[in-house]
Protein backbone atom coordinates (compact mmCIF):
# COMPACT_ATOMS: atom_id res chain seq x y z
CA UNK A 1 -9.07 -17.29 -27.69
CA UNK A 2 -5.30 -17.77 -27.58
CA UNK A 3 -4.35 -15.82 -24.45
CA UNK A 4 -7.28 -15.36 -22.08
CA UNK A 5 -6.90 -13.37 -18.89
CA UNK A 6 -8.12 -16.26 -16.72
CA UNK A 7 -8.07 -20.03 -16.74
CA UNK A 8 -10.71 -21.71 -14.57
CA UNK A 9 -9.88 -25.34 -13.83
CA UNK A 10 -12.16 -28.02 -12.40
CA UNK A 11 -10.85 -31.48 -11.54
CA UNK A 12 -13.37 -34.28 -11.11
CA UNK A 13 -14.11 -37.99 -11.20
CA UNK A 14 -17.56 -39.59 -11.20
CA UNK A 15 -19.39 -36.54 -9.83
CA UNK A 16 -21.38 -35.43 -12.86
CA UNK A 17 -24.19 -33.55 -11.04
CA UNK A 18 -21.60 -31.60 -9.01
CA UNK A 19 -19.60 -30.83 -12.16
CA UNK A 20 -22.74 -29.56 -13.88
CA UNK A 21 -23.43 -27.15 -11.00
CA UNK A 22 -19.89 -25.81 -11.18
CA UNK A 23 -19.95 -25.50 -14.97
CA UNK A 24 -23.21 -23.56 -14.86
CA UNK A 25 -21.66 -21.16 -12.36
CA UNK A 26 -18.59 -20.66 -14.54
CA UNK A 27 -20.30 -20.36 -17.90
CA UNK A 28 -22.81 -17.71 -16.74
CA UNK A 29 -20.13 -15.25 -15.60
CA UNK A 30 -20.54 -11.77 -17.13
CA UNK A 31 -16.76 -11.48 -17.57
CA UNK A 32 -15.92 -13.58 -20.61
CA UNK A 33 -12.14 -13.31 -21.09
CA UNK A 34 -11.51 -16.77 -19.68
CA UNK A 35 -11.15 -20.41 -20.66
CA UNK A 36 -12.78 -23.22 -18.73
CA UNK A 37 -10.81 -26.45 -18.40
CA UNK A 38 -12.14 -29.68 -16.93
CA UNK A 39 -9.61 -32.36 -16.01
CA UNK A 40 -11.53 -35.59 -15.55
CA UNK A 41 -10.02 -38.66 -13.94
CA UNK A 42 -11.50 -41.22 -16.38
CA UNK A 43 -15.06 -41.03 -15.07
CA UNK A 44 -17.55 -43.81 -15.78
CA UNK A 45 -20.75 -41.98 -14.80
CA UNK A 46 -21.50 -40.20 -18.08
CA UNK A 47 -19.17 -37.26 -17.50
CA UNK A 48 -17.23 -37.65 -20.74
CA UNK A 49 -20.43 -38.04 -22.76
CA UNK A 50 -21.76 -34.82 -21.25
CA UNK A 51 -18.48 -33.00 -21.90
CA UNK A 52 -18.52 -34.09 -25.54
CA UNK A 53 -21.65 -31.98 -26.03
CA UNK A 54 -20.19 -28.84 -24.44
CA UNK A 55 -18.45 -26.57 -26.92
CA UNK A 56 -17.65 -24.01 -24.21
CA UNK A 57 -15.50 -26.37 -22.12
CA UNK A 58 -11.97 -27.58 -22.82
CA UNK A 59 -11.58 -31.02 -21.31
CA UNK A 60 -9.39 -34.05 -21.00
CA UNK A 61 -10.15 -37.42 -19.44
CA UNK A 62 -7.58 -39.97 -18.28
CA UNK A 63 -6.56 -41.70 -15.04
CA UNK A 64 -4.59 -39.54 -12.63
CA UNK A 65 -2.69 -39.87 -9.38
CA UNK A 66 -5.08 -37.86 -7.25
CA UNK A 67 -6.47 -34.35 -7.02
CA UNK A 68 -3.17 -32.47 -7.14
CA UNK A 69 -1.88 -34.49 -10.08
CA UNK A 70 -5.04 -33.50 -11.93
CA UNK A 71 -4.59 -29.86 -10.89
CA UNK A 72 -1.03 -29.92 -12.24
CA UNK A 73 -2.39 -31.27 -15.53
CA UNK A 74 -4.79 -28.33 -15.61
CA UNK A 75 -1.89 -25.92 -15.13
CA UNK A 76 -0.02 -27.51 -18.04
CA UNK A 77 -3.02 -26.94 -20.31
CA UNK A 78 -3.83 -23.43 -19.12
CA UNK A 79 -3.25 -20.43 -21.37
CA UNK A 80 -4.56 -17.77 -19.00
CA UNK A 81 -2.37 -15.33 -17.12
CA UNK A 82 -4.14 -16.29 -13.88
CA UNK A 83 -5.70 -19.57 -12.68
CA UNK A 84 -8.46 -20.33 -10.22
CA UNK A 85 -9.38 -23.90 -9.27
CA UNK A 86 -13.07 -24.57 -8.70
CA UNK A 87 -13.65 -28.12 -7.48
CA UNK A 88 -16.68 -29.99 -8.79
CA UNK A 89 -19.55 -28.90 -6.55
CA UNK A 90 -18.10 -25.48 -5.73
CA UNK A 91 -19.65 -22.46 -7.43
CA UNK A 92 -18.91 -18.79 -7.83
CA UNK A 93 -20.82 -16.62 -5.36
CA UNK A 94 -22.67 -14.87 -8.19
CA UNK A 95 -22.26 -14.23 -11.90
CA UNK A 96 -20.37 -10.97 -11.34
CA UNK A 97 -17.45 -12.46 -9.36
CA UNK A 98 -14.90 -12.50 -12.18
CA UNK A 99 -15.81 -9.00 -13.37
CA UNK A 100 -15.35 -7.62 -9.85
CA UNK A 101 -12.12 -9.54 -9.22
CA UNK A 102 -10.13 -8.81 -12.39
CA UNK A 103 -9.29 -5.19 -11.44
CA UNK A 104 -7.45 -6.56 -8.39
CA UNK A 105 -5.22 -8.84 -10.51
CA UNK A 106 -2.43 -6.31 -10.75
CA UNK A 107 1.20 -6.39 -11.76
CA UNK A 108 3.52 -7.31 -8.91
CA UNK A 109 1.07 -9.73 -7.27
CA UNK A 110 1.37 -13.50 -7.44
CA UNK A 111 -1.64 -14.59 -5.35
CA UNK A 112 -4.94 -12.76 -4.89
CA UNK A 113 -7.64 -14.29 -2.70
CA UNK A 114 -11.02 -13.42 -1.24
CA UNK A 115 -13.66 -14.97 1.02
CA UNK A 116 -16.16 -17.82 0.69
CA UNK A 117 -19.62 -18.71 1.88
CA UNK A 118 -20.48 -22.16 3.25
CA UNK A 119 -23.48 -23.83 4.81
CA UNK A 120 -23.54 -24.12 8.57
CA UNK A 121 -26.55 -25.43 10.50
CA UNK A 122 -28.79 -24.92 7.49
CA UNK A 123 -27.80 -21.37 6.62
CA UNK A 124 -25.09 -19.65 4.61
CA UNK A 125 -22.31 -17.92 6.51
CA UNK A 126 -19.31 -15.99 5.23
CA UNK A 127 -15.91 -17.44 6.10
CA UNK A 128 -13.47 -14.54 6.04
CA UNK A 129 -9.92 -15.15 4.88
CA UNK A 130 -7.02 -13.85 6.93
CA UNK A 131 -4.17 -11.58 5.95
CA UNK A 132 -1.05 -13.34 4.60
CA UNK A 133 1.02 -15.03 7.32
CA UNK A 134 2.77 -18.29 8.03
CA UNK A 135 0.43 -20.68 9.84
CA UNK A 136 -0.36 -24.30 10.68
CA UNK A 137 -3.22 -24.34 8.16
CA UNK A 138 -4.51 -22.57 5.08
CA UNK A 139 -5.65 -19.04 5.95
CA UNK A 140 -7.98 -18.92 2.93
CA UNK A 141 -9.78 -21.46 0.71
CA UNK A 142 -8.19 -22.31 -2.61
CA UNK A 143 -11.60 -21.90 -4.30
CA UNK A 144 -11.18 -18.20 -3.56
CA UNK A 145 -7.59 -17.98 -4.83
CA UNK A 146 -6.35 -16.54 -8.13
CA UNK A 147 -2.72 -17.47 -8.84
CA UNK A 148 -0.39 -16.41 -11.62
CA UNK A 149 -0.07 -19.36 -13.96
CA UNK A 150 3.67 -18.94 -14.28
CA UNK A 151 4.07 -19.30 -10.52
CA UNK A 152 2.25 -22.65 -10.58
CA UNK A 153 4.53 -23.81 -13.36
CA UNK A 154 7.58 -22.88 -11.31
CA UNK A 155 6.18 -24.53 -8.16
CA UNK A 156 3.80 -27.35 -9.16
CA UNK A 157 1.74 -29.03 -6.48
CA UNK A 158 3.72 -31.71 -4.64
CA UNK A 159 1.67 -34.84 -5.30
CA UNK A 160 3.30 -36.67 -2.40
CA UNK A 161 0.86 -34.69 -0.25
CA UNK A 162 -2.58 -36.15 -0.94
CA UNK A 163 -4.51 -33.54 1.06
CA UNK A 164 -2.23 -30.56 1.68
CA UNK A 165 -0.22 -29.83 -1.46
CA UNK A 166 -1.95 -26.45 -1.76
CA UNK A 167 -0.92 -25.71 1.84
CA UNK A 168 2.70 -26.48 0.92
CA UNK A 169 2.42 -24.29 -2.17
CA UNK A 170 1.33 -21.32 -0.03
CA UNK A 171 4.22 -21.88 2.38
CA UNK A 172 6.61 -21.94 -0.57
CA UNK A 173 5.15 -18.68 -1.86
CA UNK A 174 5.56 -17.07 1.56
CA UNK A 175 9.17 -18.25 1.82
CA UNK A 176 9.89 -16.85 -1.65
CA UNK A 177 8.21 -13.59 -0.58
CA UNK A 178 5.73 -13.75 -3.43
CA UNK A 179 3.38 -10.79 -3.10
CA UNK A 180 -0.13 -11.84 -2.13
CA UNK A 181 -3.23 -9.86 -1.28
CA UNK A 182 -6.57 -10.46 0.40
CA UNK A 183 -9.42 -8.67 -1.38
CA UNK A 184 -12.80 -7.71 0.13
CA UNK A 185 -14.92 -9.94 -2.11
CA UNK A 186 -16.81 -13.17 -1.61
CA UNK A 187 -15.55 -15.40 -4.40
CA UNK A 188 -17.07 -18.85 -3.99
CA UNK A 189 -19.76 -20.97 -2.42
CA UNK A 190 -17.76 -23.79 -0.84
CA UNK A 191 -19.12 -27.34 -1.17
CA UNK A 192 -18.86 -28.86 2.31
CA UNK A 193 -19.22 -32.42 0.96
CA UNK A 194 -15.73 -32.32 -0.57
CA UNK A 195 -12.73 -34.36 0.51
CA UNK A 196 -11.32 -31.64 2.80
CA UNK A 197 -14.46 -31.89 4.97
CA UNK A 198 -14.96 -35.64 4.79
CA UNK A 199 -11.33 -36.53 5.65
CA UNK A 200 -10.58 -33.79 8.15
CA UNK A 201 -8.02 -35.62 10.29
CA UNK A 202 -6.24 -37.03 7.25
CA UNK A 203 -5.85 -33.47 6.02
CA UNK A 204 -4.53 -32.34 9.39
CA UNK A 205 -2.00 -35.17 9.44
CA UNK A 206 -0.83 -34.13 5.99
CA UNK A 207 -0.54 -30.55 7.28
CA UNK A 208 1.79 -31.90 9.97
CA UNK A 209 3.93 -33.50 7.27
CA UNK A 210 4.11 -30.18 5.40
CA UNK A 211 5.01 -28.25 8.56
CA UNK A 212 7.78 -30.70 9.41
CA UNK A 213 9.12 -30.32 5.89
CA UNK A 214 8.84 -26.56 5.51
CA UNK A 215 9.04 -24.83 8.90
CA UNK A 216 11.98 -24.05 11.16
CA UNK A 217 12.34 -25.33 14.73
CA UNK A 218 10.31 -22.77 16.69
CA UNK A 219 7.32 -22.56 14.38
CA UNK A 220 7.49 -26.27 13.55
CA UNK A 221 7.04 -27.35 17.17
CA UNK A 222 4.19 -24.92 17.85
CA UNK A 223 2.34 -25.72 14.61
CA UNK A 224 2.62 -29.49 15.09
CA UNK A 225 1.28 -29.22 18.64
CA UNK A 226 -1.70 -27.18 17.45
CA UNK A 227 -2.48 -29.66 14.70
CA UNK A 228 -2.16 -32.66 17.00
CA UNK A 229 -4.52 -30.99 19.48
CA UNK A 230 -7.04 -30.43 16.68
CA UNK A 231 -6.85 -34.09 15.64
CA UNK A 232 -7.37 -35.17 19.27
CA UNK A 233 -10.40 -32.88 19.65
CA UNK A 234 -11.92 -34.07 16.35
CA UNK A 235 -11.47 -37.68 17.45
CA UNK A 236 -13.25 -37.03 20.75
CA UNK A 237 -16.16 -35.46 18.86
CA UNK A 238 -16.28 -38.40 16.46
CA UNK A 239 -15.20 -36.33 13.49
CA UNK A 240 -12.60 -38.19 11.48
């Protein structure tokens, strides 16, 4: 397959059981015009041995400089017209997700995103994405985002931001007036044990850095205040 419609990229390091869940979700999709790329950060837990036995996965394993560096490596290897990043542990909502989404990937659009489900108090709830707008945080989850590959090559993730490079990418797309659309589909089951949930305040601090870099005076002040208030409230609740 030289030019698939989609590239699905998973970055991982030493999380083999989570990677296996994600791979199962990807490789059982009914839509098959895709390639699946795993970018592994030199795992030592048996990941590379497992990947060697998978003929349906394109993979590469070497040390990297964090999640976004690995995601940029995935972009460099991708041959699909569109990319979606599924972190190890995240899964597609069902095996029909790609088939239902592809009709929405239309000419003139650069980003297409849907909703996710996540566990809350022992049950699954739908987290609805918002319509495109400039904000102090992501208004959708990147596990529900399909992006034109060419756009990610023009604006690679800024690896100086360890937690919020995807947030900066979205702000750049908004500033460039890249057309984006929210679609009425649940795309992914979000793994709440990932880094964005276990380092919440670190992510918010990195959001502040992005806002200070990207936003103008009025929005910058308001967004920073909102983020600082969120950090303060998380600290009071003991959530770091």
